[in-house]
């Protein structure tokens, strides 16, 4: 079986900026996990027989990153 690794960095600009509460960030993380899970269930190509998420993790990046 062949596997593809997909990596996504999502830059979220909250309405309250950096002063957003940890609860709001946690809610966003949970919602993002659910949305990505739903996306994989809708992903369809005629060359793909099945697709499942092997590992999914959402966490806040505290430091600067460069892409």
PDB file of N, CA and C in Angstrom:
ATOM      1  N   UNK A   1       0.842  -1.173   0.000  1.00  0.00           N
ATOM      2  CA  UNK A   1       0.000   0.000   0.000  1.00  0.00           C
ATOM      3  C   UNK A   1       0.891   1.241   0.000  1.00  0.00           C
ATOM      4  N   UNK A   2       0.575   2.171  -0.852  1.00  0.00           N
ATOM      5  CA  UNK A   2       1.309   3.438  -0.887  1.00  0.00           C
ATOM      6  C   UNK A   2       0.625   4.451   0.013  1.00  0.00           C
ATOM      7  N   UNK A   3       1.431   5.273   0.652  1.00  0.00           N
ATOM      8  CA  UNK A   3       0.890   6.305   1.537  1.00  0.00           C
ATOM      9  C   UNK A   3       1.433   7.660   1.118  1.00  0.00           C
ATOM     10  N   UNK A   4       0.616   8.662   1.252  1.00  0.00           N
ATOM     11  CA  UNK A   4       1.019  10.034   0.973  1.00  0.00           C
ATOM     12  C   UNK A   4       0.969  10.825   2.268  1.00  0.00           C
ATOM     13  N   UNK A   5       2.005  11.575   2.540  1.00  0.00           N
ATOM     14  CA  UNK A   5       2.051  12.428   3.726  1.00  0.00           C
ATOM     15  C   UNK A   5       1.601  13.820   3.320  1.00  0.00           C
ATOM     16  N   UNK A   6       0.616  14.334   4.010  1.00  0.00           N
ATOM     17  CA  UNK A   6       0.119  15.682   3.758  1.00  0.00           C
ATOM     18  C   UNK A   6       0.338  16.508   5.011  1.00  0.00           C
ATOM     19  N   UNK A   7       0.937  17.665   4.818  1.00  0.00           N
ATOM     20  CA  UNK A   7       1.201  18.542   5.950  1.00  0.00           C
ATOM     21  C   UNK A   7       0.590  19.906   5.631  1.00  0.00           C
ATOM     22  N   UNK A   8      -0.117  20.467   6.604  1.00  0.00           N
ATOM     23  CA  UNK A   8      -0.770  21.747   6.389  1.00  0.00           C
ATOM     24  C   UNK A   8      -0.476  22.647   7.577  1.00  0.00           C
ATOM     25  N   UNK A   9      -0.104  23.881   7.284  1.00  0.00           N
ATOM     26  CA  UNK A   9       0.051  24.895   8.319  1.00  0.00           C
ATOM     27  C   UNK A   9      -1.016  25.939   8.053  1.00  0.00           C
ATOM     28  N   UNK A  10      -1.872  26.163   9.030  1.00  0.00           N
ATOM     29  CA  UNK A  10      -2.991  27.089   8.888  1.00  0.00           C
ATOM     30  C   UNK A  10      -2.747  28.299   9.774  1.00  0.00           C
ATOM     31  N   UNK A  11      -2.676  29.459   9.156  1.00  0.00           N
ATOM     32  CA  UNK A  11      -2.469  30.709   9.900  1.00  0.00           C
ATOM     33  C   UNK A  11      -3.843  31.285  10.211  1.00  0.00           C
ATOM     34  N   UNK A  12      -4.231  31.249  11.475  1.00  0.00           N
ATOM     35  CA  UNK A  12      -5.558  31.714  11.898  1.00  0.00           C
ATOM     36  C   UNK A  12      -5.431  33.120  12.469  1.00  0.00           C
ATOM     37  N   UNK A  13      -6.167  34.055  11.894  1.00  0.00           N
ATOM     38  CA  UNK A  13      -6.185  35.425  12.381  1.00  0.00           C
ATOM     39  C   UNK A  13      -7.477  35.613  13.168  1.00  0.00           C
ATOM     40  N   UNK A  14      -7.394  35.468  14.487  1.00  0.00           N
ATOM     41  CA  UNK A  14      -8.576  35.590  15.338  1.00  0.00           C
ATOM     42  C   UNK A  14      -9.028  37.042  15.430  1.00  0.00           C
ATOM     43  N   UNK A  15     -10.314  37.257  15.605  1.00  0.00           N
ATOM     44  CA  UNK A  15     -10.887  38.592  15.730  1.00  0.00           C
ATOM     45  C   UNK A  15     -10.232  39.352  16.880  1.00  0.00           C
ATOM     46  N   UNK A  16      -9.979  38.662  17.995  1.00  0.00           N
ATOM     47  CA  UNK A  16      -9.368  39.296  19.159  1.00  0.00           C
ATOM     48  C   UNK A  16      -7.842  39.308  19.094  1.00  0.00           C
ATOM     49  N   UNK A  17      -7.272  38.937  17.967  1.00  0.00           N
ATOM     50  CA  UNK A  17      -5.815  38.925  17.809  1.00  0.00           C
ATOM     51  C   UNK A  17      -5.156  37.921  18.732  1.00  0.00           C
ATOM     52  N   UNK A  18      -3.983  38.262  19.206  1.00  0.00           N
ATOM     53  CA  UNK A  18      -3.221  37.366  20.077  1.00  0.00           C
ATOM     54  C   UNK A  18      -3.799  37.252  21.478  1.00  0.00           C
ATOM     55  N   UNK A  19      -4.759  38.108  21.810  1.00  0.00           N
ATOM     56  CA  UNK A  19      -5.339  38.070  23.154  1.00  0.00           C
ATOM     57  C   UNK A  19      -6.507  37.088  23.259  1.00  0.00           C
ATOM     58  N   UNK A  20      -6.706  36.285  22.221  1.00  0.00           N
ATOM     59  CA  UNK A  20      -7.789  35.305  22.237  1.00  0.00           C
ATOM     60  C   UNK A  20      -7.548  34.290  23.359  1.00  0.00           C
ATOM     61  N   UNK A  21      -8.618  33.831  23.976  1.00  0.00           N
ATOM     62  CA  UNK A  21      -8.483  32.915  25.115  1.00  0.00           C
ATOM     63  C   UNK A  21      -8.081  31.506  24.661  1.00  0.00           C
ATOM     64  N   UNK A  22      -7.493  30.770  25.585  1.00  0.00           N
ATOM     65  CA  UNK A  22      -7.114  29.382  25.309  1.00  0.00           C
ATOM     66  C   UNK A  22      -8.327  28.533  24.963  1.00  0.00           C
ATOM     67  N   UNK A  23      -9.475  28.825  25.560  1.00  0.00           N
ATOM     68  CA  UNK A  23     -10.701  28.080  25.268  1.00  0.00           C
ATOM     69  C   UNK A  23     -11.118  28.247  23.805  1.00  0.00           C
ATOM     70  N   UNK A  24     -10.974  29.460  23.294  1.00  0.00           N
ATOM     71  CA  UNK A  24     -11.335  29.718  21.891  1.00  0.00           C
ATOM     72  C   UNK A  24     -10.383  28.970  20.961  1.00  0.00           C
ATOM     73  N   UNK A  25      -9.100  28.985  21.280  1.00  0.00           N
ATOM     74  CA  UNK A  25      -8.111  28.270  20.470  1.00  0.00           C
ATOM     75  C   UNK A  25      -8.396  26.767  20.504  1.00  0.00           C
ATOM     76  N   UNK A  26      -8.701  26.233  21.669  1.00  0.00           N
ATOM     77  CA  UNK A  26      -9.012  24.809  21.799  1.00  0.00           C
ATOM     78  C   UNK A  26     -10.250  24.447  20.976  1.00  0.00           C
ATOM     79  N   UNK A  27     -11.269  25.307  21.013  1.00  0.00           N
ATOM     80  CA  UNK A  27     -12.481  25.073  20.224  1.00  0.00           C
ATOM     81  C   UNK A  27     -12.143  25.069  18.727  1.00  0.00           C
ATOM     82  N   UNK A  28     -11.297  25.996  18.311  1.00  0.00           N
ATOM     83  CA  UNK A  28     -10.878  26.061  16.911  1.00  0.00           C
ATOM     84  C   UNK A  28     -10.136  24.785  16.504  1.00  0.00           C
ATOM     85  N   UNK A  29      -9.248  24.305  17.370  1.00  0.00           N
ATOM     86  CA  UNK A  29      -8.503  23.077  17.091  1.00  0.00           C
ATOM     87  C   UNK A  29      -9.451  21.896  16.910  1.00  0.00           C
ATOM     88  N   UNK A  30     -10.427  21.752  17.797  1.00  0.00           N
ATOM     89  CA  UNK A  30     -11.382  20.647  17.707  1.00  0.00           C
ATOM     90  C   UNK A  30     -12.221  20.745  16.433  1.00  0.00           C
ATOM     91  N   UNK A  31     -12.641  21.966  16.108  1.00  0.00           N
ATOM     92  CA  UNK A  31     -13.445  22.169  14.904  1.00  0.00           C
ATOM     93  C   UNK A  31     -12.626  21.858  13.648  1.00  0.00           C
ATOM     94  N   UNK A  32     -11.360  22.271  13.644  1.00  0.00           N
ATOM     95  CA  UNK A  32     -10.487  21.990  12.512  1.00  0.00           C
ATOM     96  C   UNK A  32     -10.287  20.486  12.333  1.00  0.00           C
ATOM     97  N   UNK A  33     -10.082  19.766  13.420  1.00  0.00           N
ATOM     98  CA  UNK A  33      -9.960  18.307  13.339  1.00  0.00           C
ATOM     99  C   UNK A  33     -11.194  17.690  12.697  1.00  0.00           C
ATOM    100  N   UNK A  34     -12.366  18.134  13.120  1.00  0.00           N
ATOM    101  CA  UNK A  34     -13.621  17.594  12.578  1.00  0.00           C
ATOM    102  C   UNK A  34     -13.756  17.921  11.094  1.00  0.00           C
ATOM    103  N   UNK A  35     -13.385  19.127  10.696  1.00  0.00           N
ATOM    104  CA  UNK A  35     -13.503  19.532   9.293  1.00  0.00           C
ATOM    105  C   UNK A  35     -12.546  18.739   8.408  1.00  0.00           C
ATOM    106  N   UNK A  36     -11.317  18.536   8.861  1.00  0.00           N
ATOM    107  CA  UNK A  36     -10.350  17.753   8.076  1.00  0.00           C
ATOM    108  C   UNK A  36     -10.828  16.309   7.951  1.00  0.00           C
ATOM    109  N   UNK A  37     -11.368  15.759   9.021  1.00  0.00           N
ATOM    110  CA  UNK A  37     -11.910  14.404   8.980  1.00  0.00           C
ATOM    111  C   UNK A  37     -13.034  14.303   7.951  1.00  0.00           C
ATOM    112  N   UNK A  38     -13.931  15.282   7.919  1.00  0.00           N
ATOM    113  CA  UNK A  38     -15.028  15.278   6.951  1.00  0.00           C
ATOM    114  C   UNK A  38     -14.502  15.432   5.520  1.00  0.00           C
ATOM    115  N   UNK A  39     -13.477  16.262   5.355  1.00  0.00           N
ATOM    116  CA  UNK A  39     -12.883  16.460   4.038  1.00  0.00           C
ATOM    117  C   UNK A  39     -12.339  15.152   3.476  1.00  0.00           C
ATOM    118  N   UNK A  40     -11.658  14.382   4.305  1.00  0.00           N
ATOM    119  CA  UNK A  40     -11.096  13.123   3.820  1.00  0.00           C
ATOM    120  C   UNK A  40     -12.191  12.144   3.420  1.00  0.00           C
ATOM    121  N   UNK A  41     -13.333  12.207   4.063  1.00  0.00           N
ATOM    122  CA  UNK A  41     -14.442  11.313   3.712  1.00  0.00           C
ATOM    123  C   UNK A  41     -15.064  11.693   2.370  1.00  0.00           C
ATOM    124  N   UNK A  42     -14.956  12.974   1.987  1.00  0.00           N
ATOM    125  CA  UNK A  42     -15.516  13.437   0.708  1.00  0.00           C
ATOM    126  C   UNK A  42     -14.502  13.363  -0.430  1.00  0.00           C
ATOM    127  N   UNK A  43     -13.221  13.158  -0.120  1.00  0.00           N
ATOM    128  CA  UNK A  43     -12.170  13.115  -1.139  1.00  0.00           C
ATOM    129  C   UNK A  43     -12.412  11.935  -2.062  1.00  0.00           C
ATOM    130  N   UNK A  44     -12.484  12.208  -3.351  1.00  0.00           N
ATOM    131  CA  UNK A  44     -12.825  11.128  -4.278  1.00  0.00           C
ATOM    132  C   UNK A  44     -12.093  11.307  -5.606  1.00  0.00           C
ATOM    133  N   UNK A  45     -11.392  10.291  -6.001  1.00  0.00           N
ATOM    134  CA  UNK A  45     -10.800  10.187  -7.333  1.00  0.00           C
ATOM    135  C   UNK A  45     -11.087   8.781  -7.829  1.00  0.00           C
ATOM    136  N   UNK A  46     -11.265   8.618  -9.123  1.00  0.00           N
ATOM    137  CA  UNK A  46     -11.597   7.267  -9.592  1.00  0.00           C
ATOM    138  C   UNK A  46     -10.432   6.303  -9.452  1.00  0.00           C
ATOM    139  N   UNK A  47      -9.212   6.817  -9.222  1.00  0.00           N
ATOM    140  CA  UNK A  47      -8.047   5.949  -9.031  1.00  0.00           C
ATOM    141  C   UNK A  47      -7.841   5.552  -7.573  1.00  0.00           C
ATOM    142  N   UNK A  48      -8.695   6.051  -6.676  1.00  0.00           N
ATOM    143  CA  UNK A  48      -8.563   5.742  -5.251  1.00  0.00           C
ATOM    144  C   UNK A  48      -9.731   4.872  -4.818  1.00  0.00           C
ATOM    145  N   UNK A  49      -9.407   3.743  -4.210  1.00  0.00           N
ATOM    146  CA  UNK A  49     -10.423   2.809  -3.738  1.00  0.00           C
ATOM    147  C   UNK A  49     -10.906   3.153  -2.337  1.00  0.00           C
ATOM    148  N   UNK A  50     -10.026   3.696  -1.521  1.00  0.00           N
ATOM    149  CA  UNK A  50     -10.382   4.038  -0.155  1.00  0.00           C
ATOM    150  C   UNK A  50      -9.372   5.009   0.423  1.00  0.00           C
ATOM    151  N   UNK A  51      -9.779   5.710   1.448  1.00  0.00           N
ATOM    152  CA  UNK A  51      -8.918   6.701   2.068  1.00  0.00           C
ATOM    153  C   UNK A  51      -9.272   6.775   3.537  1.00  0.00           C
ATOM    154  N   UNK A  52      -8.265   6.750   4.398  1.00  0.00           N
ATOM    155  CA  UNK A  52      -8.527   6.940   5.816  1.00  0.00           C
ATOM    156  C   UNK A  52      -7.382   7.723   6.431  1.00  0.00           C
ATOM    157  N   UNK A  53      -7.705   8.515   7.428  1.00  0.00           N
ATOM    158  CA  UNK A  53      -6.705   9.316   8.127  1.00  0.00           C
ATOM    159  C   UNK A  53      -5.962   8.392   9.082  1.00  0.00           C
ATOM    160  N   UNK A  54      -4.657   8.321   8.923  1.00  0.00           N
ATOM    161  CA  UNK A  54      -3.846   7.457   9.777  1.00  0.00           C
ATOM    162  C   UNK A  54      -3.498   8.139  11.098  1.00  0.00           C
ATOM    163  N   UNK A  55      -3.307   9.444  11.043  1.00  0.00           N
ATOM    164  CA  UNK A  55      -2.940  10.203  12.231  1.00  0.00           C
ATOM    165  C   UNK A  55      -3.306  11.657  11.958  1.00  0.00           C
ATOM    166  N   UNK A  56      -3.932  12.294  12.907  1.00  0.00           N
ATOM    167  CA  UNK A  56      -4.321  13.689  12.748  1.00  0.00           C
ATOM    168  C   UNK A  56      -4.107  14.405  14.067  1.00  0.00           C
ATOM    169  N   UNK A  57      -3.347  15.500  14.003  1.00  0.00           N
ATOM    170  CA  UNK A  57      -3.011  16.239  15.216  1.00  0.00           C
ATOM    171  C   UNK A  57      -3.068  17.725  14.909  1.00  0.00           C
ATOM    172  N   UNK A  58      -3.712  18.482  15.767  1.00  0.00           N
ATOM    173  CA  UNK A  58      -3.764  19.937  15.630  1.00  0.00           C
ATOM    174  C   UNK A  58      -3.208  20.542  16.906  1.00  0.00           C
ATOM    175  N   UNK A  59      -2.270  21.454  16.760  1.00  0.00           N
ATOM    176  CA  UNK A  59      -1.676  22.120  17.917  1.00  0.00           C
ATOM    177  C   UNK A  59      -1.238  23.514  17.518  1.00  0.00           C
ATOM    178  N   UNK A  60      -1.230  24.401  18.473  1.00  0.00           N
ATOM    179  CA  UNK A  60      -0.796  25.764  18.222  1.00  0.00           C
ATOM    180  C   UNK A  60       0.722  25.821  18.099  1.00  0.00           C
ATOM    181  N   UNK A  61       1.199  26.555  17.108  1.00  0.00           N
ATOM    182  CA  UNK A  61       2.634  26.782  16.933  1.00  0.00           C
ATOM    183  C   UNK A  61       2.968  28.069  17.664  1.00  0.00           C
ATOM    184  N   UNK A  62       3.788  27.990  18.671  1.00  0.00           N
ATOM    185  CA  UNK A  62       4.081  29.156  19.512  1.00  0.00           C
ATOM    186  C   UNK A  62       5.157  30.057  18.911  1.00  0.00           C
ATOM    187  N   UNK A  63       6.098  29.513  18.166  1.00  0.00           N
ATOM    188  CA  UNK A  63       7.193  30.304  17.640  1.00  0.00           C
ATOM    189  C   UNK A  63       6.991  30.669  16.180  1.00  0.00           C
ATOM    190  N   UNK A  64       7.925  31.389  15.617  1.00  0.00           N
ATOM    191  CA  UNK A  64       7.893  31.769  14.217  1.00  0.00           C
ATOM    192  C   UNK A  64       8.268  30.575  13.361  1.00  0.00           C
ATOM    193  N   UNK A  65       7.652  30.483  12.202  1.00  0.00           N
ATOM    194  CA  UNK A  65       8.024  29.449  11.240  1.00  0.00           C
ATOM    195  C   UNK A  65       8.212  30.103   9.891  1.00  0.00           C
ATOM    196  N   UNK A  66       8.966  29.481   9.026  1.00  0.00           N
ATOM    197  CA  UNK A  66       9.109  29.975   7.663  1.00  0.00           C
ATOM    198  C   UNK A  66       8.707  28.858   6.711  1.00  0.00           C
ATOM    199  N   UNK A  67       8.015  29.244   5.690  1.00  0.00           N
ATOM    200  CA  UNK A  67       7.548  28.248   4.709  1.00  0.00           C
ATOM    201  C   UNK A  67       8.362  28.333   3.451  1.00  0.00           C
TER     202      UNK A  67
END
